[in-house]
Every structure is written in structure tokens, then in C-alpha cells.
């Protein structure tokens, strides 16, 4: 039995959760999300709580897989409930000489030391804000109700210039510490 799966999800005020077969739909002030749940997991809604239980009669999936699904789907639905009520926010900064970022709506332009600029069209569910202040690293803030989509977009942006350990340049999350290495000149004596 999954420890995470046993925990009930409390539905906050302003959020409505509906069940359509094995599809959970969550609607709130920040947006609307849906998630299909495996048939080996039973989802019930009562007293402003969402409960997940394992269907012991379903023999299509092994017991170990059922336990894994139990915690997985509870976590996914919890992320949806938090997303539509509070939302998720990721902040990134560009560390490096001449690195710049700007946006027009959801079209973001990166200048990262390559011979060309990189353009990325973000999905409509993501709100983007960029800042470039003097003597500060360029900053990009992404907000969305979908945690999975937000993480995927951040990973894509980060892949344009991964942080490197020698000079500490690249695209980093705000507050992230890069483990620095000394170069080959430090080893020579």
C-alpha cells in the first residue's frame, strides 16, 4: 500500500472536481485540467475530499504495479488541484556575458552567444515575463496551472545553454547553486 496514495486530497474553495468514468476533471480560478486514471485505481469524491483505493478485483495489472499507480495518480491529481487553485511559478536567470532574453506575447527570443538568436513559441497555458536590468542577469519568469507542462518547457529552455561547472555560465533556476570545478591550470604545480 502506498503511503502517498492513502492520503486524501482536500478540495479547496473555488475548485470543482468531477469524475467521468476514469477521467478526473479539475476546474478552478487558474484553469482547467484533466487526467485519465488507470482502471486498477478507484477514485471517489466525498465530503470535499478525493480518495484513491486499489481495486483488488482487477487482475490485469500486478499488485506491485497497482501500488505504484496508487501513489502516482494521487500525486498527479494533487498537482492538478494545487495548480488550478494556486498555480506554479518557475524563475530562471541567464548567466553569461551578452546573454539576453525578450518576449512578445508568448514568443520568446534568446541571445545566448550563438551566431543566431533562438526563438521559442510557448503554449498558451503559460504566462511569461522577462526582465533585463542593468548590472543584473537577464530574468525569465514562467507561470502555469499545469506543473508537468511548465517543467517540460523549463527543461527545453535550459537545454539551449546548460549551466557549465567551470565558469558557471548558462541558464539557471533562481537560487540554484552550480558545483564549480577548478580548471586544468589549478592542477599544474
N, C-alpha and C. Protein backbone atom coordinates (compact mmCIF):
# COMPACT_ATOMS: atom_id res chain seq x y z
N UNK A 1 0.84 -1.18 0.00
CA UNK A 1 0.00 0.00 0.00
C UNK A 1 0.88 1.25 0.00
N UNK A 2 0.59 2.18 -0.87
CA UNK A 2 1.39 3.40 -0.98
C UNK A 2 1.03 4.38 0.13
N UNK A 3 2.04 4.94 0.78
CA UNK A 3 1.80 5.93 1.83
C UNK A 3 1.22 7.21 1.24
N UNK A 4 1.70 7.58 0.06
CA UNK A 4 1.19 8.78 -0.61
C UNK A 4 -0.25 8.53 -1.06
N UNK A 5 -0.51 7.36 -1.63
CA UNK A 5 -1.84 7.05 -2.16
C UNK A 5 -2.92 7.03 -1.10
N UNK A 6 -2.57 6.71 0.14
CA UNK A 6 -3.57 6.66 1.23
C UNK A 6 -4.07 8.05 1.62
N UNK A 7 -3.24 9.07 1.42
CA UNK A 7 -3.60 10.42 1.86
C UNK A 7 -4.75 10.98 1.03
N UNK A 8 -5.77 11.54 1.68
CA UNK A 8 -6.85 12.16 0.92
C UNK A 8 -6.42 13.54 0.40
N UNK A 9 -7.01 13.97 -0.70
CA UNK A 9 -6.75 15.30 -1.26
C UNK A 9 -7.92 16.18 -0.86
N UNK A 10 -7.65 17.24 -0.12
CA UNK A 10 -8.70 18.17 0.29
C UNK A 10 -8.94 19.15 -0.87
N UNK A 11 -10.21 19.30 -1.26
CA UNK A 11 -10.56 20.19 -2.36
C UNK A 11 -10.74 21.60 -1.79
N UNK A 12 -9.91 22.58 -2.22
CA UNK A 12 -10.04 23.94 -1.70
C UNK A 12 -11.28 24.65 -2.25
N UNK A 13 -11.63 25.76 -1.62
CA UNK A 13 -12.79 26.54 -2.07
C UNK A 13 -12.53 27.10 -3.46
N UNK A 14 -13.55 27.09 -4.31
CA UNK A 14 -13.40 27.61 -5.67
C UNK A 14 -12.95 26.58 -6.69
N UNK A 15 -12.69 25.36 -6.24
CA UNK A 15 -12.24 24.29 -7.15
C UNK A 15 -13.33 23.23 -7.24
N UNK A 16 -13.68 22.83 -8.46
CA UNK A 16 -14.66 21.76 -8.65
C UNK A 16 -13.97 20.56 -9.30
N UNK A 17 -14.27 19.38 -8.77
CA UNK A 17 -13.69 18.14 -9.28
C UNK A 17 -14.84 17.24 -9.74
N UNK A 18 -14.76 16.76 -10.97
CA UNK A 18 -15.79 15.85 -11.50
C UNK A 18 -15.12 14.59 -12.01
N UNK A 19 -15.89 13.49 -11.97
CA UNK A 19 -15.40 12.20 -12.46
C UNK A 19 -16.21 11.78 -13.67
N UNK A 20 -15.53 11.40 -14.75
CA UNK A 20 -16.15 10.89 -15.96
C UNK A 20 -15.55 9.53 -16.24
N UNK A 21 -16.11 8.46 -15.71
CA UNK A 21 -15.51 7.14 -15.85
C UNK A 21 -14.21 7.11 -15.07
N UNK A 22 -13.06 6.94 -15.76
CA UNK A 22 -11.79 7.03 -15.05
C UNK A 22 -11.02 8.30 -15.42
N UNK A 23 -11.71 9.35 -15.80
CA UNK A 23 -11.08 10.64 -16.09
C UNK A 23 -11.48 11.64 -15.01
N UNK A 24 -10.47 12.23 -14.37
CA UNK A 24 -10.72 13.22 -13.32
C UNK A 24 -10.54 14.60 -13.95
N UNK A 25 -11.58 15.45 -13.85
CA UNK A 25 -11.53 16.82 -14.36
C UNK A 25 -11.50 17.77 -13.17
N UNK A 26 -10.55 18.71 -13.18
CA UNK A 26 -10.41 19.68 -12.10
C UNK A 26 -10.50 21.07 -12.71
N UNK A 27 -11.39 21.91 -12.15
CA UNK A 27 -11.58 23.26 -12.67
C UNK A 27 -11.47 24.24 -11.52
N UNK A 28 -10.70 25.31 -11.74
CA UNK A 28 -10.51 26.31 -10.69
C UNK A 28 -10.27 27.68 -11.29
N UNK A 29 -9.94 28.66 -10.44
CA UNK A 29 -9.75 30.02 -10.93
C UNK A 29 -8.57 30.19 -11.89
N UNK A 30 -7.54 29.33 -11.80
CA UNK A 30 -6.36 29.47 -12.65
C UNK A 30 -6.45 28.67 -13.96
N UNK A 31 -7.43 27.76 -14.07
CA UNK A 31 -7.55 26.98 -15.30
C UNK A 31 -8.30 25.69 -15.10
N UNK A 32 -8.22 24.83 -16.11
CA UNK A 32 -8.93 23.55 -16.09
C UNK A 32 -7.98 22.46 -16.59
N UNK A 33 -7.92 21.33 -15.85
CA UNK A 33 -7.04 20.22 -16.21
C UNK A 33 -7.80 18.91 -16.09
N UNK A 34 -7.34 17.87 -16.81
CA UNK A 34 -7.94 16.55 -16.70
C UNK A 34 -6.85 15.48 -16.74
N UNK A 35 -7.13 14.36 -16.09
CA UNK A 35 -6.16 13.26 -16.01
C UNK A 35 -6.91 11.93 -16.07
N UNK A 36 -6.49 11.04 -16.97
CA UNK A 36 -7.06 9.70 -17.04
C UNK A 36 -6.38 8.84 -15.97
N UNK A 37 -7.18 8.07 -15.22
CA UNK A 37 -6.67 7.22 -14.15
C UNK A 37 -6.80 5.77 -14.59
N UNK A 38 -5.78 4.94 -14.28
CA UNK A 38 -5.80 3.53 -14.63
C UNK A 38 -7.00 2.83 -13.98
N UNK A 39 -7.63 1.87 -14.67
CA UNK A 39 -8.81 1.19 -14.10
C UNK A 39 -8.52 0.40 -12.82
N UNK A 40 -7.26 0.11 -12.51
CA UNK A 40 -6.95 -0.62 -11.28
C UNK A 40 -7.02 0.27 -10.04
N UNK A 41 -7.26 1.57 -10.21
CA UNK A 41 -7.38 2.51 -9.10
C UNK A 41 -8.81 3.07 -9.10
N UNK A 42 -9.46 3.02 -7.94
CA UNK A 42 -10.82 3.54 -7.79
C UNK A 42 -10.73 4.94 -7.18
N UNK A 43 -11.36 5.91 -7.84
CA UNK A 43 -11.36 7.30 -7.35
C UNK A 43 -12.76 7.62 -6.83
N UNK A 44 -12.83 8.15 -5.61
CA UNK A 44 -14.12 8.55 -5.03
C UNK A 44 -14.01 9.97 -4.49
N UNK A 45 -15.12 10.70 -4.61
CA UNK A 45 -15.18 12.07 -4.10
C UNK A 45 -16.30 12.13 -3.07
N UNK A 46 -15.96 12.50 -1.82
CA UNK A 46 -16.98 12.73 -0.81
C UNK A 46 -16.46 13.67 0.28
N UNK A 47 -17.34 14.52 0.78
CA UNK A 47 -17.03 15.50 1.83
C UNK A 47 -15.81 16.36 1.48
N UNK A 48 -15.80 16.91 0.27
CA UNK A 48 -14.69 17.78 -0.18
C UNK A 48 -13.33 17.09 -0.12
N UNK A 49 -13.29 15.78 -0.32
CA UNK A 49 -12.04 15.04 -0.35
C UNK A 49 -12.06 14.05 -1.51
N UNK A 50 -10.89 13.88 -2.11
CA UNK A 50 -10.72 12.88 -3.17
C UNK A 50 -9.93 11.73 -2.57
N UNK A 51 -10.47 10.51 -2.68
CA UNK A 51 -9.81 9.33 -2.13
C UNK A 51 -9.45 8.36 -3.25
N UNK A 52 -8.31 7.70 -3.09
CA UNK A 52 -7.83 6.72 -4.07
C UNK A 52 -7.68 5.38 -3.37
N UNK A 53 -8.29 4.33 -3.94
CA UNK A 53 -8.16 2.99 -3.40
C UNK A 53 -7.79 2.02 -4.53
N UNK A 54 -7.15 0.94 -4.16
CA UNK A 54 -6.73 -0.07 -5.14
C UNK A 54 -7.89 -1.04 -5.36
N UNK A 55 -8.19 -1.33 -6.63
CA UNK A 55 -9.24 -2.30 -6.99
C UNK A 55 -8.63 -3.69 -6.93
N UNK A 56 -8.95 -4.45 -5.89
CA UNK A 56 -8.36 -5.78 -5.71
C UNK A 56 -8.96 -6.81 -6.68
N UNK A 57 -10.12 -6.51 -7.29
CA UNK A 57 -10.75 -7.44 -8.23
C UNK A 57 -10.13 -7.37 -9.63
N UNK A 58 -9.42 -6.29 -9.94
CA UNK A 58 -8.81 -6.11 -11.26
C UNK A 58 -7.51 -6.92 -11.33
N UNK A 59 -7.48 -7.96 -12.18
CA UNK A 59 -6.30 -8.83 -12.29
C UNK A 59 -5.46 -8.56 -13.54
N UNK A 60 -5.74 -7.45 -14.25
CA UNK A 60 -4.98 -7.14 -15.45
C UNK A 60 -3.59 -6.61 -15.13
N UNK A 61 -3.42 -6.08 -13.92
CA UNK A 61 -2.16 -5.46 -13.51
C UNK A 61 -1.64 -6.16 -12.27
N UNK A 62 -0.31 -6.31 -12.14
CA UNK A 62 0.26 -6.96 -10.96
C UNK A 62 0.05 -6.08 -9.72
N UNK A 63 0.14 -6.73 -8.54
CA UNK A 63 -0.05 -6.00 -7.28
C UNK A 63 0.99 -4.90 -7.10
N UNK A 64 2.22 -5.18 -7.51
CA UNK A 64 3.28 -4.18 -7.38
C UNK A 64 2.98 -2.96 -8.25
N UNK A 65 2.48 -3.21 -9.46
CA UNK A 65 2.13 -2.11 -10.37
C UNK A 65 0.94 -1.31 -9.83
N UNK A 66 -0.03 -2.01 -9.21
CA UNK A 66 -1.19 -1.32 -8.61
C UNK A 66 -0.74 -0.37 -7.51
N UNK A 67 0.21 -0.82 -6.69
CA UNK A 67 0.71 0.03 -5.60
C UNK A 67 1.44 1.25 -6.17
N UNK A 68 2.17 1.06 -7.25
CA UNK A 68 2.87 2.18 -7.88
C UNK A 68 1.87 3.18 -8.46
N UNK A 69 0.82 2.67 -9.11
CA UNK A 69 -0.23 3.53 -9.68
C UNK A 69 -0.96 4.29 -8.57
N UNK A 70 -1.13 3.65 -7.42
CA UNK A 70 -1.87 4.24 -6.31
C UNK A 70 -1.25 5.58 -5.91
N UNK A 71 0.05 5.60 -5.70
CA UNK A 71 0.74 6.83 -5.33
C UNK A 71 0.87 7.80 -6.49
N UNK A 72 1.09 7.26 -7.69
CA UNK A 72 1.29 8.09 -8.88
C UNK A 72 0.06 8.94 -9.18
N UNK A 73 -1.11 8.30 -9.28
CA UNK A 73 -2.30 9.05 -9.67
C UNK A 73 -2.76 10.00 -8.58
N UNK A 74 -2.52 9.64 -7.32
CA UNK A 74 -2.84 10.57 -6.23
C UNK A 74 -1.97 11.81 -6.36
N UNK A 75 -0.68 11.65 -6.65
CA UNK A 75 0.23 12.78 -6.78
C UNK A 75 -0.13 13.64 -8.00
N UNK A 76 -0.48 13.00 -9.11
CA UNK A 76 -0.85 13.75 -10.32
C UNK A 76 -2.11 14.58 -10.10
N UNK A 77 -3.12 14.00 -9.47
CA UNK A 77 -4.36 14.74 -9.22
C UNK A 77 -4.13 15.85 -8.19
N UNK A 78 -3.29 15.59 -7.18
CA UNK A 78 -2.96 16.63 -6.20
C UNK A 78 -2.26 17.80 -6.89
N UNK A 79 -1.33 17.53 -7.82
CA UNK A 79 -0.67 18.60 -8.56
C UNK A 79 -1.68 19.41 -9.38
N UNK A 80 -2.69 18.74 -9.92
CA UNK A 80 -3.73 19.44 -10.67
C UNK A 80 -4.54 20.35 -9.77
N UNK A 81 -4.92 19.86 -8.58
CA UNK A 81 -5.72 20.65 -7.64
C UNK A 81 -4.94 21.88 -7.18
N UNK A 82 -3.66 21.70 -6.85
CA UNK A 82 -2.82 22.82 -6.44
C UNK A 82 -2.63 23.79 -7.60
N UNK A 83 -2.46 23.27 -8.81
CA UNK A 83 -2.24 24.11 -9.98
C UNK A 83 -3.41 25.01 -10.31
N UNK A 84 -4.64 24.48 -10.28
CA UNK A 84 -5.81 25.29 -10.64
C UNK A 84 -6.21 26.25 -9.51
N UNK A 85 -5.75 25.98 -8.28
CA UNK A 85 -6.09 26.88 -7.18
C UNK A 85 -5.00 27.93 -6.93
N UNK A 86 -3.72 27.52 -6.91
CA UNK A 86 -2.62 28.45 -6.62
C UNK A 86 -1.75 28.73 -7.84
N UNK A 87 -1.53 27.74 -8.68
CA UNK A 87 -0.66 27.88 -9.84
C UNK A 87 0.78 27.55 -9.49
N UNK A 88 1.60 27.38 -10.50
CA UNK A 88 3.02 27.08 -10.34
C UNK A 88 3.83 28.17 -11.02
N UNK A 89 5.01 28.44 -10.46
CA UNK A 89 5.86 29.51 -10.96
C UNK A 89 7.31 29.04 -10.98
N UNK A 90 8.00 29.26 -12.08
CA UNK A 90 9.43 28.94 -12.20
C UNK A 90 10.15 30.20 -12.64
N UNK A 91 11.26 30.49 -11.97
CA UNK A 91 12.06 31.65 -12.30
C UNK A 91 13.45 31.20 -12.74
N UNK A 92 13.92 31.75 -13.86
CA UNK A 92 15.23 31.37 -14.40
C UNK A 92 16.03 32.63 -14.69
N UNK A 93 17.36 32.50 -14.61
CA UNK A 93 18.22 33.62 -14.97
C UNK A 93 19.29 33.16 -15.94
N UNK A 94 19.72 34.09 -16.80
CA UNK A 94 20.73 33.80 -17.80
C UNK A 94 22.05 34.39 -17.32
N UNK A 95 23.03 33.52 -17.03
CA UNK A 95 24.32 33.96 -16.52
C UNK A 95 25.34 33.84 -17.64
N UNK A 96 25.89 34.96 -18.05
CA UNK A 96 26.89 34.96 -19.11
C UNK A 96 26.96 36.31 -19.78
N UNK A 97 28.11 36.67 -20.28
CA UNK A 97 28.30 37.98 -20.92
C UNK A 97 27.54 38.00 -22.24
N UNK A 98 26.69 39.01 -22.41
CA UNK A 98 25.95 39.18 -23.66
C UNK A 98 24.70 38.33 -23.77
N UNK A 99 24.35 37.56 -22.75
CA UNK A 99 23.13 36.76 -22.80
C UNK A 99 21.93 37.68 -22.59
N UNK A 100 20.93 37.55 -23.46
CA UNK A 100 19.73 38.39 -23.36
C UNK A 100 18.49 37.56 -23.62
N UNK A 101 17.36 38.04 -23.10
CA UNK A 101 16.07 37.41 -23.35
C UNK A 101 15.02 38.50 -23.47
N UNK A 102 14.07 38.32 -24.39
CA UNK A 102 12.96 39.25 -24.54
C UNK A 102 11.75 38.46 -25.05
N UNK A 103 10.58 39.02 -24.83
CA UNK A 103 9.38 38.32 -25.30
C UNK A 103 8.39 39.30 -25.90
N UNK A 104 7.60 38.79 -26.85
CA UNK A 104 6.45 39.49 -27.41
C UNK A 104 5.30 38.50 -27.30
N UNK A 105 4.47 38.69 -26.27
CA UNK A 105 3.42 37.71 -26.01
C UNK A 105 4.06 36.41 -25.55
N UNK A 106 3.76 35.31 -26.22
CA UNK A 106 4.34 34.01 -25.85
C UNK A 106 5.50 33.60 -26.76
N UNK A 107 5.98 34.52 -27.60
CA UNK A 107 7.16 34.26 -28.42
C UNK A 107 8.37 34.84 -27.68
N UNK A 108 9.30 33.96 -27.29
CA UNK A 108 10.46 34.37 -26.50
C UNK A 108 11.70 34.27 -27.38
N UNK A 109 12.54 35.32 -27.32
CA UNK A 109 13.78 35.35 -28.09
C UNK A 109 14.97 35.32 -27.14
N UNK A 110 15.87 34.37 -27.36
CA UNK A 110 17.08 34.22 -26.55
C UNK A 110 18.29 34.57 -27.38
N UNK A 111 19.22 35.33 -26.80
CA UNK A 111 20.52 35.58 -27.40
C UNK A 111 21.54 35.00 -26.43
N UNK A 112 22.12 33.84 -26.79
CA UNK A 112 22.93 33.07 -25.84
C UNK A 112 24.36 32.82 -26.31
N UNK A 113 24.89 33.74 -27.11
CA UNK A 113 26.28 33.60 -27.54
C UNK A 113 26.46 32.78 -28.80
N UNK A 114 25.38 32.32 -29.39
CA UNK A 114 25.48 31.62 -30.67
C UNK A 114 25.48 32.65 -31.80
N UNK A 115 25.68 32.21 -33.03
CA UNK A 115 25.68 33.13 -34.18
C UNK A 115 24.26 33.60 -34.51
N UNK A 116 23.27 32.96 -33.96
CA UNK A 116 21.88 33.27 -34.27
C UNK A 116 21.08 33.39 -32.97
N UNK A 117 19.94 34.04 -33.04
CA UNK A 117 19.03 34.10 -31.90
C UNK A 117 18.16 32.85 -31.91
N UNK A 118 17.72 32.44 -30.73
CA UNK A 118 16.84 31.28 -30.61
C UNK A 118 15.44 31.78 -30.25
N UNK A 119 14.45 31.37 -31.05
CA UNK A 119 13.06 31.74 -30.79
C UNK A 119 12.32 30.51 -30.33
N UNK A 120 11.44 30.68 -29.33
CA UNK A 120 10.59 29.57 -28.90
C UNK A 120 9.18 30.12 -28.68
N UNK A 121 8.20 29.42 -29.26
CA UNK A 121 6.79 29.78 -29.08
C UNK A 121 6.25 28.95 -27.93
N UNK A 122 5.88 29.60 -26.83
CA UNK A 122 5.38 28.89 -25.66
C UNK A 122 3.90 28.57 -25.82
N UNK A 123 3.42 27.49 -25.19
CA UNK A 123 1.99 27.18 -25.24
C UNK A 123 1.15 28.29 -24.59
N UNK A 124 -0.10 28.37 -24.98
CA UNK A 124 -1.00 29.41 -24.46
C UNK A 124 -1.27 29.32 -22.98
N UNK A 125 -1.09 28.12 -22.38
CA UNK A 125 -1.36 27.95 -20.95
C UNK A 125 -0.28 28.57 -20.07
N UNK A 126 0.85 28.98 -20.67
CA UNK A 126 1.97 29.50 -19.89
C UNK A 126 2.05 31.01 -20.06
N UNK A 127 2.12 31.72 -18.91
CA UNK A 127 2.34 33.16 -18.94
C UNK A 127 3.83 33.40 -18.75
N UNK A 128 4.40 34.30 -19.55
CA UNK A 128 5.84 34.55 -19.49
C UNK A 128 6.09 36.03 -19.22
N UNK A 129 7.15 36.29 -18.44
CA UNK A 129 7.57 37.66 -18.15
C UNK A 129 9.10 37.68 -18.17
N UNK A 130 9.67 38.65 -18.87
CA UNK A 130 11.12 38.77 -18.93
C UNK A 130 11.55 40.13 -18.41
N UNK A 131 12.75 40.18 -17.80
CA UNK A 131 13.31 41.43 -17.28
C UNK A 131 14.78 41.48 -17.63
N UNK A 132 15.23 42.65 -18.06
CA UNK A 132 16.65 42.88 -18.28
C UNK A 132 17.01 44.20 -17.62
N UNK A 133 17.67 44.14 -16.47
CA UNK A 133 18.07 45.35 -15.74
C UNK A 133 19.58 45.49 -15.80
N UNK A 134 20.04 46.70 -15.68
CA UNK A 134 21.46 46.98 -15.73
C UNK A 134 22.16 46.38 -14.52
N UNK A 135 23.32 45.76 -14.74
CA UNK A 135 24.13 45.11 -13.70
C UNK A 135 23.43 43.93 -13.02
N UNK A 136 22.43 43.36 -13.66
CA UNK A 136 21.77 42.15 -13.16
C UNK A 136 21.63 41.17 -14.31
N UNK A 137 21.57 39.90 -13.98
CA UNK A 137 21.40 38.88 -15.01
C UNK A 137 19.99 38.97 -15.60
N UNK A 138 19.85 38.74 -16.93
CA UNK A 138 18.50 38.69 -17.51
C UNK A 138 17.68 37.60 -16.82
N UNK A 139 16.38 37.88 -16.66
CA UNK A 139 15.50 37.06 -15.83
C UNK A 139 14.27 36.68 -16.63
N UNK A 140 13.81 35.44 -16.48
CA UNK A 140 12.58 34.99 -17.13
C UNK A 140 11.73 34.28 -16.10
N UNK A 141 10.45 34.63 -16.04
CA UNK A 141 9.50 34.04 -15.09
C UNK A 141 8.37 33.37 -15.86
N UNK A 142 8.13 32.10 -15.58
CA UNK A 142 7.08 31.33 -16.25
C UNK A 142 6.03 30.90 -15.23
N UNK A 143 4.75 31.10 -15.55
CA UNK A 143 3.66 30.71 -14.65
C UNK A 143 2.65 29.88 -15.42
N UNK A 144 2.10 28.84 -14.74
CA UNK A 144 1.10 27.98 -15.36
C UNK A 144 0.37 27.20 -14.29
N UNK A 145 -0.78 26.63 -14.64
CA UNK A 145 -1.51 25.76 -13.71
C UNK A 145 -1.09 24.30 -13.91
N UNK A 146 -0.44 24.00 -15.02
CA UNK A 146 -0.03 22.63 -15.35
C UNK A 146 1.44 22.43 -14.99
N UNK A 147 1.71 21.73 -13.90
CA UNK A 147 3.08 21.53 -13.42
C UNK A 147 3.93 20.76 -14.41
N UNK A 148 3.35 19.76 -15.04
CA UNK A 148 4.08 18.92 -15.99
C UNK A 148 4.51 19.72 -17.21
N UNK A 149 3.60 20.51 -17.78
CA UNK A 149 3.91 21.32 -18.95
C UNK A 149 4.95 22.38 -18.62
N UNK A 150 4.83 23.00 -17.45
CA UNK A 150 5.77 24.03 -17.02
C UNK A 150 7.19 23.46 -16.88
N UNK A 151 7.30 22.28 -16.27
CA UNK A 151 8.60 21.64 -16.12
C UNK A 151 9.21 21.27 -17.45
N UNK A 152 8.38 20.83 -18.38
CA UNK A 152 8.85 20.43 -19.71
C UNK A 152 9.38 21.65 -20.47
N UNK A 153 8.67 22.78 -20.38
CA UNK A 153 9.10 24.00 -21.06
C UNK A 153 10.40 24.52 -20.45
N UNK A 154 10.50 24.48 -19.11
CA UNK A 154 11.73 24.92 -18.43
C UNK A 154 12.92 24.05 -18.84
N UNK A 155 12.71 22.75 -18.97
CA UNK A 155 13.78 21.85 -19.39
C UNK A 155 14.22 22.16 -20.82
N UNK A 156 13.27 22.50 -21.68
CA UNK A 156 13.58 22.85 -23.07
C UNK A 156 14.40 24.13 -23.12
N UNK A 157 13.98 25.14 -22.35
CA UNK A 157 14.71 26.42 -22.31
C UNK A 157 16.11 26.21 -21.77
N UNK A 158 16.23 25.41 -20.72
CA UNK A 158 17.52 25.16 -20.09
C UNK A 158 18.47 24.41 -21.04
N UNK A 159 17.90 23.59 -21.94
CA UNK A 159 18.73 22.81 -22.87
C UNK A 159 19.43 23.69 -23.91
N UNK A 160 18.97 24.94 -24.08
CA UNK A 160 19.64 25.84 -25.03
C UNK A 160 21.06 26.18 -24.57
N UNK A 161 21.27 26.33 -23.26
CA UNK A 161 22.59 26.61 -22.69
C UNK A 161 22.63 26.04 -21.29
N UNK A 162 23.02 24.78 -21.17
CA UNK A 162 23.07 24.14 -19.85
C UNK A 162 24.16 24.81 -19.00
N UNK A 163 23.96 24.91 -17.68
CA UNK A 163 24.99 25.50 -16.82
C UNK A 163 26.26 24.65 -16.86
N UNK A 164 27.40 25.30 -17.01
CA UNK A 164 28.65 24.56 -17.05
C UNK A 164 29.46 24.84 -15.79
N UNK A 165 30.24 23.86 -15.31
CA UNK A 165 30.85 23.94 -13.98
C UNK A 165 32.12 24.78 -13.89
N UNK A 166 32.71 25.19 -15.02
CA UNK A 166 33.99 25.89 -14.96
C UNK A 166 33.84 27.39 -14.78
N UNK A 167 32.98 28.01 -15.55
CA UNK A 167 32.75 29.46 -15.40
C UNK A 167 31.40 29.76 -14.76
N UNK A 168 30.51 28.76 -14.67
CA UNK A 168 29.19 28.96 -14.06
C UNK A 168 28.21 29.64 -15.00
N UNK A 169 28.50 29.62 -16.32
CA UNK A 169 27.62 30.26 -17.28
C UNK A 169 26.50 29.31 -17.70
N UNK A 170 25.39 29.89 -18.17
CA UNK A 170 24.29 29.10 -18.67
C UNK A 170 22.95 29.60 -18.18
N UNK A 171 21.91 28.82 -18.37
CA UNK A 171 20.57 29.16 -17.91
C UNK A 171 20.32 28.39 -16.62
N UNK A 172 20.12 29.12 -15.53
CA UNK A 172 19.95 28.51 -14.21
C UNK A 172 18.58 28.89 -13.63
N UNK A 173 18.09 28.06 -12.72
CA UNK A 173 16.93 28.45 -11.92
C UNK A 173 17.41 29.44 -10.87
N UNK A 174 16.55 30.38 -10.49
CA UNK A 174 16.94 31.38 -9.49
C UNK A 174 17.22 30.67 -8.17
N UNK A 175 18.38 30.95 -7.59
CA UNK A 175 18.77 30.33 -6.33
C UNK A 175 19.53 29.03 -6.48
N UNK A 176 19.67 28.52 -7.70
CA UNK A 176 20.38 27.26 -7.93
C UNK A 176 21.88 27.46 -7.76
N UNK A 177 22.52 26.54 -7.09
CA UNK A 177 23.96 26.60 -6.89
C UNK A 177 24.63 25.62 -7.86
N UNK A 178 25.58 26.11 -8.63
CA UNK A 178 26.32 25.26 -9.56
C UNK A 178 27.58 24.78 -8.86
N UNK A 179 27.84 23.50 -8.91
CA UNK A 179 29.04 22.93 -8.30
C UNK A 179 30.22 23.25 -9.21
N UNK A 180 31.08 24.13 -8.75
CA UNK A 180 32.17 24.63 -9.58
C UNK A 180 33.37 23.69 -9.53
N UNK A 181 34.08 23.61 -10.66
CA UNK A 181 35.30 22.82 -10.77
C UNK A 181 36.46 23.76 -11.04
N UNK A 182 37.60 23.40 -10.56
CA UNK A 182 38.78 24.19 -10.91
C UNK A 182 39.28 23.69 -12.26
N UNK A 183 39.82 24.58 -13.04
CA UNK A 183 40.28 24.22 -14.38
C UNK A 183 41.61 23.48 -14.34
N UNK A 184 42.16 23.19 -15.51
CA UNK A 184 43.40 22.43 -15.57
C UNK A 184 44.59 23.22 -15.02
N UNK A 185 44.48 24.56 -15.04
CA UNK A 185 45.59 25.38 -14.54
C UNK A 185 45.75 25.25 -13.02
N UNK A 186 44.67 24.92 -12.31
CA UNK A 186 44.75 24.76 -10.85
C UNK A 186 45.48 23.49 -10.48
N UNK A 187 45.46 22.48 -11.35
CA UNK A 187 46.11 21.20 -11.05
C UNK A 187 47.61 21.21 -11.31
N UNK A 188 48.07 22.12 -12.17
CA UNK A 188 49.51 22.18 -12.50
C UNK A 188 50.28 22.89 -11.39
N UNK A 189 51.39 22.28 -10.94
CA UNK A 189 52.19 22.90 -9.88
C UNK A 189 53.61 23.06 -10.31
